[in-house]
Amino acid sequence: MPELPEVETTRSGIEPHVIGRKISGVVIRQPQLRWPVPEQELRELEGLSIKKVVRRGKYILLNTDLGSILIHLGMSGSLRVISDERSALKHDHVDIQFSHGVLLRYTDPRRFGAILWQPKGQTHERIASLGPEPLSEQFDGCYLHQQCRGRSVTIKQFIMNSKVVVGVGNIYANEALFQAGIDPRKSAGRISEKRLVLLAQRIKSVLSSAIQQGGTTLKDFVDSDGKPGYFQQSLNVYGRGGEPCLACGRILSEVRLGQRSTVFCNDCQR
């Protein structure tokens, strides 16, 4: 699944091509994604311009004067800016056409993603309960420590809870915990404030690094130019279970927490 850096890479990739551009039409080939595509609302956007392209968690919001188009990439979705002359393929479900001869194409083989509508002045229920952005000032070690108090859930599952902080998916949770030297199986409420301050810092640095490098290369992810990201080359633990730790040489352990693969070093992470 595309995680926060992949979504941010997509957002920044499409932004210069659509900001200030007038929507000339919307083509909906598949009206049923994870939820029904709001066909009527999208068609009413003809003639309006995109005012801003923002990200909230793993949602990309295309803001107009009437409201916002919310786009979630799901498990295998992608957004690409292409020429309006390019023919649609089997999994190209929605096109947002612009007057300058390009279109924003949503492709999703598994159809687990979503295109939703948020009227102006309202907050869609899918993003209303999300926690703070990990790269914002609202998320820091003090906040994390307060949220962790009395919680028995594992720290890895805790930081992956989007109501606590958005966008810390499985790949980056593994990497941040390794860099912070924290065992992912440890109960969130049993970790000291000092160590949680370090963890918050590592979450920020891991995500920032991944965004800078273009996201993590996943089988189904491509950015708006059709190019994969490159952060996978820098992964310390994710996907490396049974291999030597890059820090100490000990063989990395792999378990499942919350049905997600979790890789860590028994020596480096306590």
C-alpha atoms as a PDB file:
ATOM      1  CA  MET A   1       0.000   0.000   0.000  1.00  0.00           C
ATOM      2  CA  PRO A   2       1.335   3.465  -0.817  1.00  0.00           C
ATOM      3  CA  GLU A   3       2.290   5.139   2.453  1.00  0.00           C
ATOM      4  CA  LEU A   4       2.562   8.798   3.411  1.00  0.00           C
ATOM      5  CA  PRO A   5       5.800   9.506   1.471  1.00  0.00           C
ATOM      6  CA  GLU A   6       4.370   7.895  -1.669  1.00  0.00           C
ATOM      7  CA  VAL A   7       1.198   9.962  -1.325  1.00  0.00           C
ATOM      8  CA  GLU A   8       3.183  13.156  -0.695  1.00  0.00           C
ATOM      9  CA  THR A   9       5.387  12.360  -3.700  1.00  0.00           C
ATOM     10  CA  THR A  10       2.238  12.031  -5.805  1.00  0.00           C
ATOM     11  CA  ARG A  11       0.759  15.250  -4.400  1.00  0.00           C
ATOM     12  CA  SER A  12       3.883  17.268  -5.142  1.00  0.00           C
ATOM     13  CA  GLY A  13       4.193  15.630  -8.558  1.00  0.00           C
ATOM     14  CA  ILE A  14       0.713  16.570  -9.774  1.00  0.00           C
ATOM     15  CA  GLU A  15       0.522  19.984  -8.080  1.00  0.00           C
ATOM     16  CA  PRO A  16       2.355  22.134 -10.675  1.00  0.00           C
ATOM     17  CA  HIS A  17       0.284  20.599 -13.492  1.00  0.00           C
ATOM     18  CA  VAL A  18      -3.170  21.266 -12.020  1.00  0.00           C
ATOM     19  CA  ILE A  19      -2.941  24.370  -9.786  1.00  0.00           C
ATOM     20  CA  GLY A  20      -4.916  27.204 -11.376  1.00  0.00           C
ATOM     21  CA  ARG A  21      -6.017  24.947 -14.233  1.00  0.00           C
ATOM     22  CA  LYS A  22      -9.657  24.880 -15.323  1.00  0.00           C
ATOM     23  CA  ILE A  23     -11.498  21.554 -15.295  1.00  0.00           C
ATOM     24  CA  SER A  24     -12.975  20.892 -18.720  1.00  0.00           C
ATOM     25  CA  GLY A  25     -14.641  17.595 -17.922  1.00  0.00           C
ATOM     26  CA  VAL A  26     -14.652  14.379 -15.882  1.00  0.00           C
ATOM     27  CA  VAL A  27     -14.736  10.872 -17.361  1.00  0.00           C
ATOM     28  CA  ILE A  28     -15.885   8.097 -15.018  1.00  0.00           C
ATOM     29  CA  ARG A  29     -15.425   4.605 -16.432  1.00  0.00           C
ATOM     30  CA  GLN A  30     -15.791   2.738 -13.143  1.00  0.00           C
ATOM     31  CA  PRO A  31     -18.285   4.331 -10.706  1.00  0.00           C
ATOM     32  CA  GLN A  32     -17.670   1.789  -7.948  1.00  0.00           C
ATOM     33  CA  LEU A  33     -14.322   1.878  -6.154  1.00  0.00           C
ATOM     34  CA  ARG A  34     -14.091   1.186  -2.426  1.00  0.00           C
ATOM     35  CA  TRP A  35     -17.090   3.505  -2.181  1.00  0.00           C
ATOM     36  CA  PRO A  36     -19.254   4.882  -5.006  1.00  0.00           C
ATOM     37  CA  VAL A  37     -17.643   7.703  -6.997  1.00  0.00           C
ATOM     38  CA  PRO A  38     -19.662  10.940  -6.497  1.00  0.00           C
ATOM     39  CA  GLU A  39     -20.503  11.320 -10.190  1.00  0.00           C
ATOM     40  CA  GLN A  40     -22.914  14.246  -9.961  1.00  0.00           C
ATOM     41  CA  GLU A  41     -20.635  16.389  -7.766  1.00  0.00           C
ATOM     42  CA  LEU A  42     -17.616  15.748  -9.993  1.00  0.00           C
ATOM     43  CA  ARG A  43     -19.482  16.659 -13.173  1.00  0.00           C
ATOM     44  CA  GLU A  44     -20.576  19.967 -11.589  1.00  0.00           C
ATOM     45  CA  LEU A  45     -16.906  21.004 -11.365  1.00  0.00           C
ATOM     46  CA  GLU A  46     -16.652  21.698 -15.093  1.00  0.00           C
ATOM     47  CA  GLY A  47     -15.391  25.236 -15.590  1.00  0.00           C
ATOM     48  CA  LEU A  48     -13.894  25.538 -12.104  1.00  0.00           C
ATOM     49  CA  SER A  49     -10.179  25.696 -11.298  1.00  0.00           C
ATOM     50  CA  ILE A  50      -8.065  23.748  -8.827  1.00  0.00           C
ATOM     51  CA  LYS A  51      -7.122  26.233  -6.098  1.00  0.00           C
ATOM     52  CA  LYS A  52      -4.858  24.050  -3.998  1.00  0.00           C
ATOM     53  CA  VAL A  53      -3.519  20.485  -3.770  1.00  0.00           C
ATOM     54  CA  VAL A  54      -3.035  19.305  -0.180  1.00  0.00           C
ATOM     55  CA  ARG A  55      -2.522  16.049   1.665  1.00  0.00           C
ATOM     56  CA  ARG A  56      -4.281  14.898   4.837  1.00  0.00           C
ATOM     57  CA  GLY A  57      -2.919  11.585   6.014  1.00  0.00           C
ATOM     58  CA  LYS A  58      -3.011   9.380   2.923  1.00  0.00           C
ATOM     59  CA  TYR A  59      -5.702  11.432   1.202  1.00  0.00           C
ATOM     60  CA  ILE A  60      -4.941  13.937  -1.564  1.00  0.00           C
ATOM     61  CA  LEU A  61      -7.373  16.855  -1.670  1.00  0.00           C
ATOM     62  CA  LEU A  62      -7.983  18.866  -4.842  1.00  0.00           C
ATOM     63  CA  ASN A  63      -9.583  22.085  -3.571  1.00  0.00           C
ATOM     64  CA  THR A  64     -12.071  24.064  -5.692  1.00  0.00           C
ATOM     65  CA  ASP A  65     -14.537  26.869  -4.942  1.00  0.00           C
ATOM     66  CA  LEU A  66     -17.312  24.297  -4.424  1.00  0.00           C
ATOM     67  CA  GLY A  67     -15.358  21.873  -2.253  1.00  0.00           C
ATOM     68  CA  SER A  68     -12.639  19.240  -2.440  1.00  0.00           C
ATOM     69  CA  ILE A  69     -12.102  16.019  -4.345  1.00  0.00           C
ATOM     70  CA  LEU A  70     -10.638  13.476  -1.896  1.00  0.00           C
ATOM     71  CA  ILE A  71      -8.476  10.781  -3.467  1.00  0.00           C
ATOM     72  CA  HIS A  72      -7.110   7.720  -1.658  1.00  0.00           C
ATOM     73  CA  LEU A  73      -4.759   5.405  -3.546  1.00  0.00           C
ATOM     74  CA  GLY A  74      -5.794   2.278  -1.642  1.00  0.00           C
ATOM     75  CA  MET A  75      -3.594  -0.781  -2.168  1.00  0.00           C
ATOM     76  CA  SER A  76      -2.589  -0.283  -5.775  1.00  0.00           C
ATOM     77  CA  GLY A  77      -3.859   3.072  -6.980  1.00  0.00           C
ATOM     78  CA  SER A  78      -1.890   5.778  -8.758  1.00  0.00           C
ATOM     79  CA  LEU A  79      -2.464   9.284 -10.084  1.00  0.00           C
ATOM     80  CA  ARG A  80      -0.653  10.434 -13.203  1.00  0.00           C
ATOM     81  CA  VAL A  81      -0.671  13.602 -15.245  1.00  0.00           C
ATOM     82  CA  ILE A  82      -0.752  12.564 -18.913  1.00  0.00           C
ATOM     83  CA  SER A  83      -1.691  13.869 -22.338  1.00  0.00           C
ATOM     84  CA  ASP A  84      -5.414  13.804 -23.043  1.00  0.00           C
ATOM     85  CA  GLU A  85      -4.618  11.910 -26.245  1.00  0.00           C
ATOM     86  CA  ARG A  86      -3.446   8.795 -24.414  1.00  0.00           C
ATOM     87  CA  SER A  87      -5.974   5.958 -24.620  1.00  0.00           C
ATOM     88  CA  ALA A  88      -7.397   4.560 -21.400  1.00  0.00           C
ATOM     89  CA  LEU A  89      -6.511   1.024 -20.332  1.00  0.00           C
ATOM     90  CA  LYS A  90      -8.507  -1.539 -18.379  1.00  0.00           C
ATOM     91  CA  HIS A  91      -7.798  -0.183 -14.896  1.00  0.00           C
ATOM     92  CA  ASP A  92      -7.928   3.544 -15.743  1.00  0.00           C
ATOM     93  CA  HIS A  93     -11.134   4.358 -13.870  1.00  0.00           C
ATOM     94  CA  VAL A  94     -11.426   8.158 -13.662  1.00  0.00           C
ATOM     95  CA  ASP A  95     -10.015  11.067 -15.695  1.00  0.00           C
ATOM     96  CA  ILE A  96     -10.162  14.708 -14.596  1.00  0.00           C
ATOM     97  CA  GLN A  97      -9.637  16.662 -17.797  1.00  0.00           C
ATOM     98  CA  PHE A  98      -8.111  20.140 -17.957  1.00  0.00           C
ATOM     99  CA  SER A  99      -8.420  22.854 -20.571  1.00  0.00           C
ATOM    100  CA  HIS A 100      -4.682  22.931 -21.347  1.00  0.00           C
ATOM    101  CA  GLY A 101      -4.685  19.478 -22.951  1.00  0.00           C
ATOM    102  CA  VAL A 102      -3.686  17.238 -20.067  1.00  0.00           C
ATOM    103  CA  LEU A 103      -5.652  15.071 -17.676  1.00  0.00           C
ATOM    104  CA  LEU A 104      -5.262  13.612 -14.216  1.00  0.00           C
ATOM    105  CA  ARG A 105      -5.825   9.858 -14.497  1.00  0.00           C
ATOM    106  CA  TYR A 106      -6.726   7.625 -11.550  1.00  0.00           C
ATOM    107  CA  THR A 107      -5.684   4.011 -12.075  1.00  0.00           C
ATOM    108  CA  ASP A 108      -6.421   1.220  -9.603  1.00  0.00           C
ATOM    109  CA  PRO A 109      -6.247  -2.489 -10.535  1.00  0.00           C
ATOM    110  CA  ARG A 110      -7.645  -3.685  -7.184  1.00  0.00           C
ATOM    111  CA  ARG A 111     -10.210  -0.889  -6.755  1.00  0.00           C
ATOM    112  CA  PHE A 112      -9.498  -0.557  -3.023  1.00  0.00           C
ATOM    113  CA  GLY A 113      -8.895   3.177  -3.377  1.00  0.00           C
ATOM    114  CA  ALA A 114     -11.479   5.935  -3.294  1.00  0.00           C
ATOM    115  CA  ILE A 115     -12.594   9.193  -4.877  1.00  0.00           C
ATOM    116  CA  LEU A 116     -14.880  11.126  -2.532  1.00  0.00           C
ATOM    117  CA  TRP A 117     -16.431  14.578  -2.296  1.00  0.00           C
ATOM    118  CA  GLN A 118     -16.115  17.112   0.540  1.00  0.00           C
ATOM    119  CA  PRO A 119     -18.404  20.173   0.235  1.00  0.00           C
ATOM    120  CA  LYS A 120     -16.833  23.535   1.004  1.00  0.00           C
ATOM    121  CA  GLY A 121     -16.829  24.327   4.730  1.00  0.00           C
ATOM    122  CA  GLN A 122     -17.251  20.682   5.765  1.00  0.00           C
ATOM    123  CA  THR A 123     -14.851  17.926   6.818  1.00  0.00           C
ATOM    124  CA  HIS A 124     -15.433  14.503   5.335  1.00  0.00           C
ATOM    125  CA  GLU A 125     -16.000  11.734   7.886  1.00  0.00           C
ATOM    126  CA  ARG A 126     -13.050   9.779   6.483  1.00  0.00           C
ATOM    127  CA  ILE A 127     -10.587  12.454   7.650  1.00  0.00           C
ATOM    128  CA  ALA A 128     -12.493  14.044  10.552  1.00  0.00           C
ATOM    129  CA  SER A 129     -10.997  11.796  13.254  1.00  0.00           C
ATOM    130  CA  LEU A 130      -7.412  11.665  11.994  1.00  0.00           C
ATOM    131  CA  GLY A 131      -4.569  12.466  14.393  1.00  0.00           C
ATOM    132  CA  PRO A 132      -1.896  15.112  13.787  1.00  0.00           C
ATOM    133  CA  GLU A 133       0.422  15.035  10.798  1.00  0.00           C
ATOM    134  CA  PRO A 134       3.778  13.457  11.776  1.00  0.00           C
ATOM    135  CA  LEU A 135       5.789  16.289  10.228  1.00  0.00           C
ATOM    136  CA  SER A 136       3.760  19.014  11.932  1.00  0.00           C
ATOM    137  CA  GLU A 137       4.581  20.902  15.130  1.00  0.00           C
ATOM    138  CA  GLN A 138       1.605  19.232  16.815  1.00  0.00           C
ATOM    139  CA  PHE A 139       3.398  15.889  16.765  1.00  0.00           C
ATOM    140  CA  ASP A 140       6.407  15.636  19.068  1.00  0.00           C
ATOM    141  CA  GLY A 141       7.787  13.538  21.925  1.00  0.00           C
ATOM    142  CA  CYS A 142       5.677  15.274  24.557  1.00  0.00           C
ATOM    143  CA  TYR A 143       2.478  14.577  22.616  1.00  0.00           C
ATOM    144  CA  LEU A 144       3.510  10.964  21.992  1.00  0.00           C
ATOM    145  CA  HIS A 145       4.297  10.429  25.680  1.00  0.00           C
ATOM    146  CA  GLN A 146       0.904  11.798  26.726  1.00  0.00           C
ATOM    147  CA  GLN A 147      -0.892   9.545  24.264  1.00  0.00           C
ATOM    148  CA  CYS A 148       1.067   6.458  25.347  1.00  0.00           C
ATOM    149  CA  ARG A 149       0.243   6.702  29.060  1.00  0.00           C
ATOM    150  CA  GLY A 150      -1.527   3.605  30.328  1.00  0.00           C
ATOM    151  CA  ARG A 151      -1.616   1.946  26.916  1.00  0.00           C
ATOM    152  CA  SER A 152      -0.769  -1.757  26.779  1.00  0.00           C
ATOM    153  CA  VAL A 153      -0.798  -2.080  22.978  1.00  0.00           C
ATOM    154  CA  THR A 154       2.593  -2.584  21.360  1.00  0.00           C
ATOM    155  CA  ILE A 155       4.416   0.601  20.425  1.00  0.00           C
ATOM    156  CA  LYS A 156       4.495  -0.388  16.741  1.00  0.00           C
ATOM    157  CA  GLN A 157       0.738  -0.847  16.554  1.00  0.00           C
ATOM    158  CA  PHE A 158       0.274   2.364  18.539  1.00  0.00           C
ATOM    159  CA  ILE A 159       2.221   4.626  16.173  1.00  0.00           C
ATOM    160  CA  MET A 160       0.438   3.031  13.208  1.00  0.00           C
ATOM    161  CA  ASN A 161      -2.947   4.102  14.625  1.00  0.00           C
ATOM    162  CA  SER A 162      -4.122   6.983  12.421  1.00  0.00           C
ATOM    163  CA  LYS A 163      -6.098   8.456  15.324  1.00  0.00           C
ATOM    164  CA  VAL A 164      -2.807   8.906  17.199  1.00  0.00           C
ATOM    165  CA  VAL A 165      -0.708  10.135  14.259  1.00  0.00           C
ATOM    166  CA  VAL A 166      -1.430   9.823  10.549  1.00  0.00           C
ATOM    167  CA  GLY A 167       0.661   8.206   7.884  1.00  0.00           C
ATOM    168  CA  VAL A 168       3.118   6.065   9.862  1.00  0.00           C
ATOM    169  CA  GLY A 169       2.627   2.898   7.856  1.00  0.00           C
ATOM    170  CA  ASN A 170       4.283  -0.468   8.290  1.00  0.00           C
ATOM    171  CA  ILE A 171       7.502   0.245   6.402  1.00  0.00           C
ATOM    172  CA  TYR A 172       8.284   3.487   8.206  1.00  0.00           C
ATOM    173  CA  ALA A 173       7.178   2.230  11.643  1.00  0.00           C
ATOM    174  CA  ASN A 174       9.740  -0.592  11.313  1.00  0.00           C
ATOM    175  CA  GLU A 175      12.456   1.849  10.275  1.00  0.00           C
ATOM    176  CA  ALA A 176      11.735   4.526  12.904  1.00  0.00           C
ATOM    177  CA  LEU A 177      11.668   1.994  15.745  1.00  0.00           C
ATOM    178  CA  PHE A 178      14.977   0.553  14.600  1.00  0.00           C
ATOM    179  CA  GLN A 179      16.595   3.983  14.470  1.00  0.00           C
ATOM    180  CA  ALA A 180      15.200   4.807  17.923  1.00  0.00           C
ATOM    181  CA  GLY A 181      16.452   1.484  19.342  1.00  0.00           C
ATOM    182  CA  ILE A 182      12.983   0.476  20.590  1.00  0.00           C
ATOM    183  CA  ASP A 183      11.662  -3.079  20.489  1.00  0.00           C
ATOM    184  CA  PRO A 184       8.417  -2.928  18.445  1.00  0.00           C
ATOM    185  CA  ARG A 185       6.798  -5.491  20.789  1.00  0.00           C
ATOM    186  CA  LYS A 186       7.181  -3.295  23.867  1.00  0.00           C
ATOM    187  CA  SER A 187       3.993  -1.877  25.408  1.00  0.00           C
ATOM    188  CA  ALA A 188       3.527   1.785  24.522  1.00  0.00           C
ATOM    189  CA  GLY A 189       2.811   2.718  28.132  1.00  0.00           C
ATOM    190  CA  ARG A 190       6.094   1.230  29.396  1.00  0.00           C
ATOM    191  CA  ILE A 191       8.419   3.413  27.320  1.00  0.00           C
ATOM    192  CA  SER A 192      10.043   6.428  28.948  1.00  0.00           C
ATOM    193  CA  GLU A 193       9.372   9.978  27.775  1.00  0.00           C
ATOM    194  CA  LYS A 194      13.039  10.358  26.798  1.00  0.00           C
ATOM    195  CA  ARG A 195      12.838   7.387  24.440  1.00  0.00           C
ATOM    196  CA  LEU A 196       9.515   8.560  23.001  1.00  0.00           C
ATOM    197  CA  VAL A 197      11.032  11.969  22.270  1.00  0.00           C
ATOM    198  CA  LEU A 198      13.710  10.174  20.263  1.00  0.00           C
ATOM    199  CA  LEU A 199      11.086   8.020  18.519  1.00  0.00           C
ATOM    200  CA  ALA A 200       9.091  11.082  17.459  1.00  0.00           C
ATOM    201  CA  GLN A 201      12.273  12.598  16.042  1.00  0.00           C
ATOM    202  CA  ARG A 202      13.077   9.399  14.140  1.00  0.00           C
ATOM    203  CA  ILE A 203       9.552   9.177  12.717  1.00  0.00           C
ATOM    204  CA  LYS A 204       9.965  12.692  11.358  1.00  0.00           C
ATOM    205  CA  SER A 205      13.433  12.045   9.943  1.00  0.00           C
ATOM    206  CA  VAL A 206      12.538   8.701   8.311  1.00  0.00           C
ATOM    207  CA  LEU A 207       9.444  10.152   6.634  1.00  0.00           C
ATOM    208  CA  SER A 208      11.264  13.319   5.561  1.00  0.00           C
ATOM    209  CA  SER A 209      14.068  11.257   4.058  1.00  0.00           C
ATOM    210  CA  ALA A 210      11.621   9.049   2.179  1.00  0.00           C
ATOM    211  CA  ILE A 211       9.750  12.049   0.791  1.00  0.00           C
ATOM    212  CA  GLN A 212      13.010  13.619  -0.346  1.00  0.00           C
ATOM    213  CA  GLN A 213      14.003  10.417  -2.128  1.00  0.00           C
ATOM    214  CA  GLY A 214      10.635   9.967  -3.810  1.00  0.00           C
ATOM    215  CA  GLY A 215       8.923   7.402  -1.611  1.00  0.00           C
ATOM    216  CA  THR A 216       9.474   3.691  -1.271  1.00  0.00           C
ATOM    217  CA  THR A 217       9.560   1.533  -4.381  1.00  0.00           C
ATOM    218  CA  LEU A 218       6.579  -0.810  -4.132  1.00  0.00           C
ATOM    219  CA  LYS A 219       5.386  -3.263  -6.765  1.00  0.00           C
ATOM    220  CA  ASP A 220       2.300  -1.206  -7.624  1.00  0.00           C
ATOM    221  CA  PHE A 221       3.493   2.346  -6.923  1.00  0.00           C
ATOM    222  CA  VAL A 222       4.564   4.854  -9.529  1.00  0.00           C
ATOM    223  CA  ASP A 223       4.715   8.614  -9.127  1.00  0.00           C
ATOM    224  CA  SER A 224       2.991  11.139 -11.362  1.00  0.00           C
ATOM    225  CA  ASP A 225       5.687  10.728 -14.038  1.00  0.00           C
ATOM    226  CA  GLY A 226       5.425   6.938 -13.979  1.00  0.00           C
ATOM    227  CA  LYS A 227       8.744   6.564 -12.159  1.00  0.00           C
ATOM    228  CA  PRO A 228       9.211   4.508  -8.960  1.00  0.00           C
ATOM    229  CA  GLY A 229      10.582   5.966  -5.752  1.00  0.00           C
ATOM    230  CA  TYR A 230      14.007   5.124  -4.374  1.00  0.00           C
ATOM    231  CA  PHE A 231      13.811   4.975  -0.579  1.00  0.00           C
ATOM    232  CA  GLN A 232      13.788   1.174  -0.556  1.00  0.00           C
ATOM    233  CA  GLN A 233      17.535   1.251  -1.151  1.00  0.00           C
ATOM    234  CA  SER A 234      17.931   2.809   2.308  1.00  0.00           C
ATOM    235  CA  LEU A 235      15.788   0.391   4.371  1.00  0.00           C
ATOM    236  CA  ASN A 236      17.540  -1.000   7.444  1.00  0.00           C
ATOM    237  CA  VAL A 237      15.070  -3.646   8.593  1.00  0.00           C
ATOM    238  CA  TYR A 238      11.834  -3.766   6.589  1.00  0.00           C
ATOM    239  CA  GLY A 239      11.806  -6.797   4.301  1.00  0.00           C
ATOM    240  CA  ARG A 240      15.149  -8.020   5.698  1.00  0.00           C
ATOM    241  CA  GLY A 241      14.018 -10.649   8.196  1.00  0.00           C
ATOM    242  CA  GLY A 242      16.646 -13.401   8.538  1.00  0.00           C
ATOM    243  CA  GLU A 243      19.404 -11.163   7.207  1.00  0.00           C
ATOM    244  CA  PRO A 244      22.247  -9.608   9.256  1.00  0.00           C
ATOM    245  CA  CYS A 245      21.563  -6.350  11.085  1.00  0.00           C
ATOM    246  CA  LEU A 246      23.415  -3.538   9.329  1.00  0.00           C
ATOM    247  CA  ALA A 247      24.456  -2.123  12.721  1.00  0.00           C
ATOM    248  CA  CYS A 248      25.600  -5.140  14.753  1.00  0.00           C
ATOM    249  CA  GLY A 249      25.573  -8.137  12.399  1.00  0.00           C
ATOM    250  CA  ARG A 250      23.092 -10.194  14.376  1.00  0.00           C
ATOM    251  CA  ILE A 251      20.374 -11.946  12.358  1.00  0.00           C
ATOM    252  CA  LEU A 252      17.216  -9.833  12.274  1.00  0.00           C
ATOM    253  CA  SER A 253      14.065 -11.340  13.800  1.00  0.00           C
ATOM    254  CA  GLU A 254      10.679 -11.258  12.082  1.00  0.00           C
ATOM    255  CA  VAL A 255       7.291 -11.577  13.781  1.00  0.00           C
ATOM    256  CA  ARG A 256       3.738 -10.480  13.037  1.00  0.00           C
ATOM    257  CA  LEU A 257       2.126  -7.705  15.063  1.00  0.00           C
ATOM    258  CA  GLY A 258      -1.416  -6.760  14.216  1.00  0.00           C
ATOM    259  CA  GLN A 259      -1.135  -9.057  11.167  1.00  0.00           C
ATOM    260  CA  ARG A 260       1.735  -6.952   9.806  1.00  0.00           C
ATOM    261  CA  SER A 261       5.281  -8.136   9.190  1.00  0.00           C
ATOM    262  CA  THR A 262       7.616  -6.702  11.827  1.00  0.00           C
ATOM    263  CA  VAL A 263      11.405  -6.929  11.542  1.00  0.00           C
ATOM    264  CA  PHE A 264      13.769  -5.884  14.342  1.00  0.00           C
ATOM    265  CA  CYS A 265      17.141  -6.530  15.953  1.00  0.00           C
ATOM    266  CA  ASN A 266      17.177  -8.195  19.363  1.00  0.00           C
ATOM    267  CA  ASP A 267      20.502  -6.518  20.194  1.00  0.00           C
ATOM    268  CA  CYS A 268      19.939  -2.991  18.940  1.00  0.00           C
ATOM    269  CA  GLN A 269      16.289  -2.638  19.975  1.00  0.00           C
ATOM    270  CA  ARG A 270      15.261  -2.904  23.603  1.00  0.00           C
END
